[in-house]
Amino acid sequence: MEPSDWLWVWIGAAVAFGFLELITPFLFFMISFAAGAGLAAMAAALDASVALQWGVFLAGSAAALLVLVPVGRRLAAVESDEAHEGATRQIGRVAVVLEEIPGSSRDTGLVRLERQQWRAETDADGPISPGAQVDVISVRGTRLVVAPVAPARHEPIDR
C-alpha cells in the first residue's frame, strides 16, 4: 500500500471516530482520535511516509486527549440549571409522613426521606396523614415543603 493510499484510510478512521463520539457525547474521547486521524490524513495528502503518518496520528491523538478529555469531563459534570445543592437536593424526592402535617398553616409534621427525618409543612388544603407518601416540592429554611403524591406516581420507599 502506497503512502498516498493511506489518505482514504485516515479519512475513514476520522469519520468512524467522529461517529463513535456521537455515541459517547461530552466525553471528547473518540473525537480526540478523529482529530489525530484528520492530522494523519493531511500528512498522507502531503505524501508523508506511512511511519510519519502514524507518528502524526499518535501525537495528534495524544495532544487532543490531553486538551479535550478534561473539557469533556467538566462538561459532563455540569448539571442542568435545575441542579440542586445542599438541602435543595431533596426537591423532587418522595418522603413518608411519620407525624400528621396540618394543612394550610405553618405548623409542621414529620417526614422520613430516605434515612433522615425532616420537619415538613404543606400548602395543601387539608392535613396529610401518617403513612402517606409526599413529594418534596421546595425547602424553606430547615423545613421541607411537601405535597401529596399524585396517584399515578409509584416509587418504592425504604421503610
N, C-alpha and C. Protein backbone atom coordinates (compact mmCIF):
# COMPACT_ATOMS: atom_id res chain seq x y z
N MET A 1 0.84 -1.17 0.00
CA MET A 1 0.00 0.00 0.00
C MET A 1 0.89 1.24 0.00
N GLU A 2 0.65 2.12 -0.90
CA GLU A 2 1.44 3.34 -1.05
C GLU A 2 1.08 4.34 0.04
N PRO A 3 2.00 5.21 0.43
CA PRO A 3 1.69 6.23 1.44
C PRO A 3 0.49 7.09 1.06
N SER A 4 0.31 7.38 -0.22
CA SER A 4 -0.83 8.22 -0.63
C SER A 4 -2.16 7.47 -0.50
N ASP A 5 -2.12 6.13 -0.54
CA ASP A 5 -3.35 5.34 -0.37
C ASP A 5 -3.89 5.44 1.05
N TRP A 6 -3.02 5.76 1.98
CA TRP A 6 -3.42 5.88 3.38
C TRP A 6 -4.34 7.07 3.60
N LEU A 7 -4.38 8.00 2.68
CA LEU A 7 -5.28 9.16 2.81
C LEU A 7 -6.70 8.70 3.08
N TRP A 8 -7.18 7.72 2.31
CA TRP A 8 -8.55 7.24 2.46
C TRP A 8 -8.74 6.45 3.75
N VAL A 9 -7.68 5.77 4.20
CA VAL A 9 -7.75 5.06 5.49
C VAL A 9 -7.94 6.06 6.62
N TRP A 10 -7.15 7.14 6.57
CA TRP A 10 -7.22 8.14 7.63
C TRP A 10 -8.55 8.90 7.60
N ILE A 11 -9.05 9.19 6.41
CA ILE A 11 -10.36 9.87 6.32
C ILE A 11 -11.46 8.96 6.87
N GLY A 12 -11.40 7.69 6.51
CA GLY A 12 -12.38 6.73 7.04
C GLY A 12 -12.29 6.60 8.55
N ALA A 13 -11.05 6.59 9.07
CA ALA A 13 -10.87 6.49 10.52
C ALA A 13 -11.41 7.75 11.21
N ALA A 14 -11.17 8.91 10.63
CA ALA A 14 -11.66 10.16 11.21
C ALA A 14 -13.19 10.17 11.26
N VAL A 15 -13.81 9.73 10.19
CA VAL A 15 -15.28 9.67 10.15
C VAL A 15 -15.79 8.65 11.17
N ALA A 16 -15.17 7.49 11.24
CA ALA A 16 -15.60 6.45 12.18
C ALA A 16 -15.46 6.92 13.63
N PHE A 17 -14.31 7.52 13.96
CA PHE A 17 -14.14 8.03 15.32
C PHE A 17 -15.12 9.17 15.61
N GLY A 18 -15.38 9.99 14.63
CA GLY A 18 -16.37 11.06 14.81
C GLY A 18 -17.75 10.50 15.08
N PHE A 19 -18.13 9.45 14.36
CA PHE A 19 -19.42 8.80 14.60
C PHE A 19 -19.46 8.18 15.99
N LEU A 20 -18.38 7.53 16.41
CA LEU A 20 -18.35 6.93 17.74
C LEU A 20 -18.47 7.98 18.84
N GLU A 21 -17.98 9.18 18.57
CA GLU A 21 -18.12 10.26 19.55
C GLU A 21 -19.60 10.60 19.77
N LEU A 22 -20.40 10.45 18.74
CA LEU A 22 -21.83 10.73 18.87
C LEU A 22 -22.49 9.78 19.87
N ILE A 23 -21.93 8.58 20.02
CA ILE A 23 -22.47 7.60 20.95
C ILE A 23 -22.04 7.93 22.38
N THR A 24 -20.90 8.59 22.55
CA THR A 24 -20.38 8.94 23.87
C THR A 24 -20.27 10.46 23.99
N PRO A 25 -21.38 11.18 24.01
CA PRO A 25 -21.30 12.64 23.99
C PRO A 25 -20.65 13.22 25.24
N PHE A 26 -20.02 14.34 25.07
CA PHE A 26 -19.37 15.14 26.11
C PHE A 26 -18.14 14.51 26.72
N LEU A 27 -17.75 13.33 26.30
CA LEU A 27 -16.53 12.75 26.83
C LEU A 27 -15.31 13.22 26.06
N PHE A 28 -15.50 13.54 24.77
CA PHE A 28 -14.43 14.00 23.90
C PHE A 28 -13.27 13.02 23.86
N PHE A 29 -13.58 11.73 23.98
CA PHE A 29 -12.54 10.71 23.92
C PHE A 29 -12.31 10.29 22.47
N MET A 30 -13.35 9.85 21.80
CA MET A 30 -13.22 9.39 20.42
C MET A 30 -12.90 10.53 19.46
N ILE A 31 -13.39 11.72 19.76
CA ILE A 31 -13.12 12.85 18.88
C ILE A 31 -11.64 13.19 18.88
N SER A 32 -10.95 12.84 19.96
CA SER A 32 -9.50 13.05 20.01
C SER A 32 -8.80 12.19 18.97
N PHE A 33 -9.26 10.96 18.82
CA PHE A 33 -8.69 10.08 17.80
C PHE A 33 -9.08 10.53 16.40
N ALA A 34 -10.29 11.07 16.29
CA ALA A 34 -10.71 11.62 14.99
C ALA A 34 -9.81 12.78 14.59
N ALA A 35 -9.43 13.60 15.56
CA ALA A 35 -8.52 14.72 15.27
C ALA A 35 -7.15 14.19 14.84
N GLY A 36 -6.66 13.17 15.54
CA GLY A 36 -5.39 12.56 15.15
C GLY A 36 -5.45 11.95 13.75
N ALA A 37 -6.56 11.30 13.42
CA ALA A 37 -6.73 10.72 12.09
C ALA A 37 -6.82 11.81 11.03
N GLY A 38 -7.45 12.92 11.37
CA GLY A 38 -7.53 14.04 10.44
C GLY A 38 -6.15 14.62 10.15
N LEU A 39 -5.36 14.75 11.20
CA LEU A 39 -3.98 15.24 11.00
C LEU A 39 -3.16 14.25 10.17
N ALA A 40 -3.36 12.95 10.42
CA ALA A 40 -2.65 11.93 9.64
C ALA A 40 -3.10 11.96 8.19
N ALA A 41 -4.38 12.26 7.95
CA ALA A 41 -4.88 12.38 6.57
C ALA A 41 -4.21 13.55 5.86
N MET A 42 -3.99 14.64 6.59
CA MET A 42 -3.29 15.78 5.98
C MET A 42 -1.84 15.40 5.65
N ALA A 43 -1.22 14.63 6.55
CA ALA A 43 0.14 14.18 6.28
C ALA A 43 0.16 13.26 5.06
N ALA A 44 -0.83 12.38 4.93
CA ALA A 44 -0.91 11.49 3.77
C ALA A 44 -1.13 12.30 2.49
N ALA A 45 -1.91 13.36 2.57
CA ALA A 45 -2.15 14.21 1.40
C ALA A 45 -0.87 14.90 0.95
N LEU A 46 0.04 15.10 1.88
CA LEU A 46 1.34 15.72 1.56
C LEU A 46 2.39 14.67 1.21
N ASP A 47 1.98 13.43 0.99
CA ASP A 47 2.85 12.31 0.63
C ASP A 47 3.91 12.00 1.68
N ALA A 48 3.56 12.13 2.96
CA ALA A 48 4.48 11.76 4.03
C ALA A 48 4.55 10.23 4.10
N SER A 49 5.63 9.73 4.67
CA SER A 49 5.78 8.27 4.80
C SER A 49 4.71 7.72 5.75
N VAL A 50 4.46 6.43 5.64
CA VAL A 50 3.46 5.78 6.50
C VAL A 50 3.88 5.90 7.97
N ALA A 51 5.16 5.74 8.24
CA ALA A 51 5.65 5.86 9.62
C ALA A 51 5.38 7.26 10.15
N LEU A 52 5.61 8.28 9.35
CA LEU A 52 5.34 9.66 9.77
C LEU A 52 3.84 9.87 9.97
N GLN A 53 3.02 9.29 9.11
CA GLN A 53 1.57 9.41 9.26
C GLN A 53 1.12 8.81 10.60
N TRP A 54 1.65 7.65 10.92
CA TRP A 54 1.31 7.03 12.21
C TRP A 54 1.81 7.89 13.38
N GLY A 55 2.99 8.45 13.24
CA GLY A 55 3.51 9.33 14.28
C GLY A 55 2.63 10.56 14.46
N VAL A 56 2.18 11.14 13.35
CA VAL A 56 1.28 12.30 13.42
C VAL A 56 -0.04 11.89 14.07
N PHE A 57 -0.56 10.72 13.69
CA PHE A 57 -1.81 10.23 14.28
C PHE A 57 -1.66 10.07 15.80
N LEU A 58 -0.59 9.40 16.24
CA LEU A 58 -0.40 9.16 17.66
C LEU A 58 -0.18 10.46 18.43
N ALA A 59 0.68 11.32 17.90
CA ALA A 59 0.96 12.59 18.58
C ALA A 59 -0.28 13.49 18.60
N GLY A 60 -0.96 13.57 17.47
CA GLY A 60 -2.17 14.40 17.41
C GLY A 60 -3.26 13.89 18.32
N SER A 61 -3.44 12.58 18.38
CA SER A 61 -4.45 12.00 19.27
C SER A 61 -4.10 12.24 20.73
N ALA A 62 -2.82 12.07 21.08
CA ALA A 62 -2.39 12.29 22.46
C ALA A 62 -2.60 13.75 22.87
N ALA A 63 -2.22 14.67 21.98
CA ALA A 63 -2.40 16.09 22.29
C ALA A 63 -3.88 16.42 22.44
N ALA A 64 -4.71 15.89 21.55
CA ALA A 64 -6.14 16.15 21.63
C ALA A 64 -6.74 15.55 22.90
N LEU A 65 -6.27 14.36 23.28
CA LEU A 65 -6.74 13.75 24.52
C LEU A 65 -6.41 14.62 25.73
N LEU A 66 -5.18 15.13 25.76
CA LEU A 66 -4.75 15.97 26.88
C LEU A 66 -5.58 17.24 26.98
N VAL A 67 -6.02 17.76 25.86
CA VAL A 67 -6.77 19.02 25.86
C VAL A 67 -8.28 18.77 25.99
N LEU A 68 -8.82 17.84 25.21
CA LEU A 68 -10.27 17.70 25.11
C LEU A 68 -10.92 16.87 26.22
N VAL A 69 -10.25 15.83 26.70
CA VAL A 69 -10.87 14.98 27.71
C VAL A 69 -11.16 15.75 29.00
N PRO A 70 -10.25 16.58 29.53
CA PRO A 70 -10.61 17.37 30.71
C PRO A 70 -11.80 18.30 30.46
N VAL A 71 -11.87 18.87 29.26
CA VAL A 71 -13.01 19.73 28.92
C VAL A 71 -14.29 18.90 28.92
N GLY A 72 -14.24 17.71 28.34
CA GLY A 72 -15.41 16.83 28.31
C GLY A 72 -15.85 16.42 29.70
N ARG A 73 -14.91 16.16 30.58
CA ARG A 73 -15.27 15.79 31.96
C ARG A 73 -15.96 16.94 32.66
N ARG A 74 -15.45 18.15 32.46
CA ARG A 74 -16.09 19.31 33.08
C ARG A 74 -17.50 19.51 32.54
N LEU A 75 -17.66 19.34 31.24
CA LEU A 75 -18.99 19.49 30.65
C LEU A 75 -19.94 18.41 31.14
N ALA A 76 -19.45 17.20 31.28
CA ALA A 76 -20.30 16.10 31.76
C ALA A 76 -20.68 16.30 33.22
N ALA A 77 -19.80 16.92 33.99
CA ALA A 77 -20.07 17.12 35.41
C ALA A 77 -21.04 18.26 35.65
N VAL A 78 -21.13 19.19 34.72
CA VAL A 78 -22.05 20.31 34.87
C VAL A 78 -23.46 19.78 34.71
N GLU A 79 -24.27 20.00 35.72
CA GLU A 79 -25.64 19.53 35.65
C GLU A 79 -26.53 20.61 35.08
N SER A 80 -27.76 20.28 34.88
CA SER A 80 -28.70 21.24 34.32
C SER A 80 -28.92 22.41 35.27
N ASP A 81 -29.62 23.43 34.79
CA ASP A 81 -29.92 24.60 35.60
C ASP A 81 -30.76 24.24 36.82
N GLU A 82 -31.41 23.09 36.78
CA GLU A 82 -32.24 22.67 37.89
C GLU A 82 -31.45 21.88 38.93
N ALA A 83 -30.13 21.86 38.81
CA ALA A 83 -29.30 21.10 39.75
C ALA A 83 -29.48 21.67 41.15
N HIS A 84 -29.52 20.79 42.12
CA HIS A 84 -29.73 21.20 43.49
C HIS A 84 -28.50 20.91 44.32
N GLU A 85 -28.25 21.78 45.27
CA GLU A 85 -27.14 21.58 46.18
C GLU A 85 -27.67 21.67 47.60
N GLY A 86 -26.93 21.11 48.52
CA GLY A 86 -27.33 21.18 49.92
C GLY A 86 -28.69 20.53 50.13
N ALA A 87 -29.51 21.16 51.00
CA ALA A 87 -30.82 20.61 51.32
C ALA A 87 -31.74 20.61 50.11
N THR A 88 -31.52 21.51 49.16
CA THR A 88 -32.42 21.57 48.00
C THR A 88 -32.28 20.35 47.10
N ARG A 89 -31.28 19.53 47.33
CA ARG A 89 -31.17 18.31 46.52
C ARG A 89 -32.31 17.34 46.83
N GLN A 90 -33.05 17.61 47.91
CA GLN A 90 -34.18 16.75 48.28
C GLN A 90 -35.40 17.02 47.41
N ILE A 91 -35.42 18.15 46.70
CA ILE A 91 -36.58 18.50 45.88
C ILE A 91 -36.80 17.44 44.81
N GLY A 92 -38.05 17.02 44.68
CA GLY A 92 -38.41 16.02 43.68
C GLY A 92 -38.41 14.60 44.23
N ARG A 93 -37.95 14.43 45.43
CA ARG A 93 -37.93 13.09 46.02
C ARG A 93 -39.24 12.81 46.74
N VAL A 94 -39.46 11.54 47.07
CA VAL A 94 -40.67 11.12 47.76
C VAL A 94 -40.33 10.76 49.20
N ALA A 95 -41.13 11.27 50.13
CA ALA A 95 -40.94 11.01 51.56
C ALA A 95 -42.20 10.34 52.11
N VAL A 96 -42.09 9.77 53.32
CA VAL A 96 -43.21 9.15 54.01
C VAL A 96 -43.53 9.98 55.24
N VAL A 97 -44.81 10.28 55.43
CA VAL A 97 -45.23 11.07 56.58
C VAL A 97 -45.21 10.20 57.83
N LEU A 98 -44.50 10.68 58.86
CA LEU A 98 -44.43 9.96 60.14
C LEU A 98 -45.39 10.57 61.15
N GLU A 99 -45.57 11.87 61.11
CA GLU A 99 -46.43 12.61 62.03
C GLU A 99 -47.29 13.54 61.19
N GLU A 100 -48.57 13.58 61.44
CA GLU A 100 -49.51 14.36 60.60
C GLU A 100 -49.00 15.77 60.33
N ILE A 101 -49.17 16.17 59.07
CA ILE A 101 -48.79 17.52 58.65
C ILE A 101 -50.07 18.32 58.50
N PRO A 102 -50.29 19.33 59.37
CA PRO A 102 -51.50 20.13 59.26
C PRO A 102 -51.51 20.91 57.94
N GLY A 103 -52.67 21.07 57.34
CA GLY A 103 -52.78 21.79 56.08
C GLY A 103 -53.02 23.26 56.28
N SER A 104 -52.65 24.06 55.30
CA SER A 104 -52.93 25.50 55.25
C SER A 104 -52.40 26.29 56.43
N SER A 105 -51.30 25.89 57.00
CA SER A 105 -50.69 26.68 58.08
C SER A 105 -49.20 26.43 58.08
N ARG A 106 -48.50 27.11 58.94
CA ARG A 106 -47.06 26.94 59.05
C ARG A 106 -46.70 25.90 60.11
N ASP A 107 -47.71 25.18 60.61
CA ASP A 107 -47.43 24.10 61.55
C ASP A 107 -46.75 22.97 60.79
N THR A 108 -45.96 22.22 61.50
CA THR A 108 -45.20 21.17 60.81
C THR A 108 -45.55 19.80 61.34
N GLY A 109 -45.27 18.84 60.50
CA GLY A 109 -45.33 17.44 60.86
C GLY A 109 -43.94 16.87 60.66
N LEU A 110 -43.85 15.57 60.61
CA LEU A 110 -42.56 14.91 60.48
C LEU A 110 -42.62 13.93 59.31
N VAL A 111 -41.58 13.95 58.49
CA VAL A 111 -41.49 13.00 57.37
C VAL A 111 -40.14 12.31 57.43
N ARG A 112 -40.10 11.12 56.79
CA ARG A 112 -38.83 10.42 56.64
C ARG A 112 -38.50 10.42 55.16
N LEU A 113 -37.33 10.93 54.87
CA LEU A 113 -36.83 10.95 53.50
C LEU A 113 -35.55 10.15 53.50
N GLU A 114 -35.59 9.00 52.83
CA GLU A 114 -34.51 8.03 52.88
C GLU A 114 -34.33 7.65 54.35
N ARG A 115 -33.20 7.94 54.96
CA ARG A 115 -32.99 7.54 56.35
C ARG A 115 -33.06 8.71 57.32
N GLN A 116 -33.42 9.89 56.81
CA GLN A 116 -33.44 11.08 57.66
C GLN A 116 -34.86 11.53 57.95
N GLN A 117 -35.04 12.09 59.14
CA GLN A 117 -36.33 12.68 59.49
C GLN A 117 -36.23 14.19 59.32
N TRP A 118 -37.28 14.76 58.74
CA TRP A 118 -37.33 16.20 58.49
C TRP A 118 -38.65 16.76 59.01
N ARG A 119 -38.62 18.00 59.49
CA ARG A 119 -39.85 18.73 59.76
C ARG A 119 -40.41 19.12 58.40
N ALA A 120 -41.71 19.02 58.25
CA ALA A 120 -42.31 19.30 56.95
C ALA A 120 -43.60 20.08 57.12
N GLU A 121 -43.87 20.94 56.16
CA GLU A 121 -45.14 21.67 56.09
C GLU A 121 -45.70 21.49 54.70
N THR A 122 -46.96 21.87 54.55
CA THR A 122 -47.60 21.72 53.26
C THR A 122 -48.44 22.94 52.93
N ASP A 123 -48.61 23.19 51.66
CA ASP A 123 -49.50 24.24 51.19
C ASP A 123 -50.84 23.63 50.75
N ALA A 124 -51.01 22.33 50.98
CA ALA A 124 -52.25 21.64 50.60
C ALA A 124 -53.40 22.15 51.46
N ASP A 125 -54.62 21.93 50.98
CA ASP A 125 -55.81 22.42 51.69
C ASP A 125 -56.09 21.68 52.98
N GLY A 126 -55.78 20.40 53.02
CA GLY A 126 -56.08 19.63 54.21
C GLY A 126 -54.83 18.99 54.79
N PRO A 127 -54.98 18.35 55.95
CA PRO A 127 -53.83 17.69 56.57
C PRO A 127 -53.42 16.44 55.78
N ILE A 128 -52.18 16.04 56.00
CA ILE A 128 -51.66 14.82 55.36
C ILE A 128 -51.39 13.84 56.49
N SER A 129 -52.00 12.67 56.38
CA SER A 129 -51.96 11.66 57.44
C SER A 129 -50.66 10.88 57.46
N PRO A 130 -50.32 10.33 58.64
CA PRO A 130 -49.14 9.47 58.73
C PRO A 130 -49.25 8.28 57.79
N GLY A 131 -48.14 7.88 57.22
CA GLY A 131 -48.09 6.76 56.29
C GLY A 131 -48.25 7.18 54.84
N ALA A 132 -48.73 8.40 54.60
CA ALA A 132 -48.91 8.87 53.23
C ALA A 132 -47.57 9.20 52.60
N GLN A 133 -47.51 9.04 51.29
CA GLN A 133 -46.31 9.43 50.56
C GLN A 133 -46.50 10.86 50.06
N VAL A 134 -45.42 11.64 50.13
CA VAL A 134 -45.47 13.04 49.71
C VAL A 134 -44.27 13.37 48.83
N ASP A 135 -44.50 14.30 47.90
CA ASP A 135 -43.41 14.83 47.08
C ASP A 135 -42.82 16.03 47.78
N VAL A 136 -41.50 16.14 47.77
CA VAL A 136 -40.83 17.33 48.29
C VAL A 136 -40.83 18.35 47.15
N ILE A 137 -41.50 19.50 47.38
CA ILE A 137 -41.61 20.49 46.31
C ILE A 137 -40.70 21.69 46.51
N SER A 138 -40.27 21.93 47.76
CA SER A 138 -39.30 23.01 48.00
C SER A 138 -38.74 22.86 49.40
N VAL A 139 -37.82 23.75 49.73
CA VAL A 139 -37.22 23.78 51.05
C VAL A 139 -37.34 25.21 51.56
N ARG A 140 -37.88 25.36 52.76
CA ARG A 140 -37.97 26.67 53.42
C ARG A 140 -37.15 26.59 54.70
N GLY A 141 -35.99 27.18 54.66
CA GLY A 141 -35.10 27.10 55.82
C GLY A 141 -34.69 25.67 56.05
N THR A 142 -35.08 25.13 57.23
CA THR A 142 -34.74 23.74 57.54
C THR A 142 -35.94 22.83 57.42
N ARG A 143 -37.03 23.34 56.81
CA ARG A 143 -38.24 22.55 56.64
C ARG A 143 -38.44 22.19 55.17
N LEU A 144 -38.99 21.00 54.97
CA LEU A 144 -39.38 20.61 53.62
C LEU A 144 -40.82 21.04 53.39
N VAL A 145 -41.11 21.49 52.21
CA VAL A 145 -42.48 21.77 51.82
C VAL A 145 -42.90 20.61 50.93
N VAL A 146 -43.99 19.95 51.32
CA VAL A 146 -44.40 18.73 50.64
C VAL A 146 -45.82 18.84 50.11
N ALA A 147 -46.14 17.96 49.19
CA ALA A 147 -47.49 17.84 48.64
C ALA A 147 -47.78 16.35 48.49
N PRO A 148 -49.05 15.98 48.62
CA PRO A 148 -49.39 14.56 48.44
C PRO A 148 -48.92 14.06 47.07
N VAL A 149 -48.48 12.82 47.03
CA VAL A 149 -48.01 12.22 45.77
C VAL A 149 -49.19 12.07 44.84
N ALA A 150 -48.98 12.41 43.59
CA ALA A 150 -50.01 12.23 42.57
C ALA A 150 -50.32 10.74 42.46
N PRO A 151 -51.58 10.36 42.23
CA PRO A 151 -51.95 8.94 42.21
C PRO A 151 -51.19 8.11 41.18
N ALA A 152 -50.78 8.70 40.06
CA ALA A 152 -50.10 7.92 39.01
C ALA A 152 -48.67 7.60 39.35
N ARG A 153 -48.10 8.24 40.36
CA ARG A 153 -46.69 8.06 40.67
C ARG A 153 -46.52 6.91 41.66
N HIS A 154 -45.71 5.94 41.28
CA HIS A 154 -45.44 4.79 42.14
C HIS A 154 -43.96 4.58 42.22
N GLU A 155 -43.36 5.00 43.33
CA GLU A 155 -41.93 4.80 43.53
C GLU A 155 -41.76 4.01 44.82
N PRO A 156 -40.81 3.10 44.83
CA PRO A 156 -40.57 2.33 46.07
C PRO A 156 -39.98 3.24 47.14
N ILE A 157 -40.42 3.02 48.36
CA ILE A 157 -39.95 3.81 49.50
C ILE A 157 -39.31 2.85 50.50
N ASP A 158 -38.12 3.21 50.98
CA ASP A 158 -37.47 2.42 52.04
C ASP A 158 -38.17 2.71 53.35
N ARG A 159 -38.68 1.68 53.99
CA ARG A 159 -39.37 1.91 55.26
C ARG A 159 -38.58 1.36 56.40
